[in-house]
Amino acid sequence: MSDADTAAKQRGIITTLFLDHPASVNESYFGHMRFALGFAFWLGVAAVAALVHAVVPALCETTASRILKRLHARIENRH
């Protein structure tokens, strides 16, 4: 296999791993990263709120569900 073939194959792997999915949702790699990291942050906040609510039911009664509804709306309105 020549160096050109190897380079083309590596570009194909990189494209598959890092660029195909963001492009399929009309985003750049970094735009998609920003969206996914923000989503992950709010999922973490919702998880902590649910944990607090599990221990002390009077606290964070609707926090997790409100966050999840907002995240769901962001996904639905995204495209």
Protein backbone atom coordinates (compact mmCIF):
# COMPACT_ATOMS: atom_id res chain seq x y z
CA MET A 1 0.00 0.00 0.00
CA SER A 2 1.42 3.39 -0.97
CA ASP A 3 1.66 6.41 1.29
CA ALA A 4 -1.15 8.05 -0.69
CA ASP A 5 -3.42 5.04 -0.12
CA THR A 6 -2.62 5.05 3.58
CA ALA A 7 -3.32 8.79 3.84
CA ALA A 8 -6.63 8.41 1.99
CA LYS A 9 -7.67 5.55 4.27
CA GLN A 10 -6.78 7.58 7.38
CA ARG A 11 -8.78 10.57 6.07
CA GLY A 12 -11.71 8.20 5.58
CA ILE A 13 -11.50 6.96 9.16
CA ILE A 14 -11.19 10.51 10.52
CA THR A 15 -14.13 11.65 8.41
CA THR A 16 -16.21 8.70 9.57
CA LEU A 17 -15.39 9.17 13.25
CA PHE A 18 -15.42 12.95 13.54
CA LEU A 19 -17.14 14.62 10.62
CA ASP A 20 -19.91 12.49 9.11
CA HIS A 21 -22.43 12.73 11.93
CA PRO A 22 -22.03 16.50 12.56
CA ALA A 23 -22.42 17.07 8.82
CA SER A 24 -25.58 14.93 8.80
CA VAL A 25 -27.19 17.39 11.23
CA ASN A 26 -25.82 20.44 9.39
CA GLU A 27 -23.21 21.32 12.01
CA SER A 28 -19.47 21.70 12.06
CA TYR A 29 -17.42 19.44 14.31
CA PHE A 30 -16.99 22.20 16.91
CA GLY A 31 -20.60 23.33 16.65
CA HIS A 32 -21.73 19.77 17.30
CA MET A 33 -19.25 19.46 20.16
CA ARG A 34 -20.62 22.61 21.77
CA PHE A 35 -24.21 21.39 21.48
CA ALA A 36 -23.35 17.92 22.85
CA LEU A 37 -21.29 19.28 25.76
CA GLY A 38 -24.06 21.70 26.72
CA PHE A 39 -26.57 18.85 26.53
CA ALA A 40 -24.34 16.65 28.69
CA PHE A 41 -23.94 19.44 31.25
CA TRP A 42 -27.70 19.86 31.66
CA LEU A 43 -28.23 16.10 31.83
CA GLY A 44 -25.71 16.05 34.68
CA VAL A 45 -27.55 18.86 36.47
CA ALA A 46 -30.82 16.94 36.03
CA ALA A 47 -29.20 13.78 37.41
CA VAL A 48 -27.94 15.62 40.50
CA ALA A 49 -31.38 17.19 41.02
CA ALA A 50 -33.00 13.74 40.77
CA LEU A 51 -30.50 12.36 43.28
CA VAL A 52 -31.20 15.21 45.71
CA HIS A 53 -34.93 14.64 45.24
CA ALA A 54 -34.51 10.90 45.90
CA VAL A 55 -32.87 11.62 49.27
CA VAL A 56 -35.03 14.60 50.28
CA PRO A 57 -38.33 14.44 48.36
CA ALA A 58 -39.32 17.99 49.31
CA LEU A 59 -36.32 19.37 47.36
CA CYS A 60 -35.97 19.67 43.58
CA GLU A 61 -39.49 18.36 43.04
CA THR A 62 -39.72 19.38 39.38
CA THR A 63 -36.15 20.39 38.52
CA ALA A 64 -35.11 17.26 36.65
CA SER A 65 -38.35 17.01 34.67
CA ARG A 66 -38.20 20.71 33.70
CA ILE A 67 -34.63 20.31 32.47
CA LEU A 68 -35.52 17.19 30.48
CA LYS A 69 -38.53 18.94 28.88
CA ARG A 70 -36.28 21.86 27.89
CA LEU A 71 -33.65 19.52 26.44
CA HIS A 72 -36.31 17.61 24.53
CA ALA A 73 -37.60 20.88 23.05
CA ARG A 74 -34.05 21.82 22.00
CA ILE A 75 -33.69 18.52 20.15
CA GLU A 76 -37.10 18.80 18.50
CA ASN A 77 -36.55 22.41 17.37
CA ARG A 78 -32.98 21.85 16.26
CA HIS A 79 -33.64 20.79 12.68
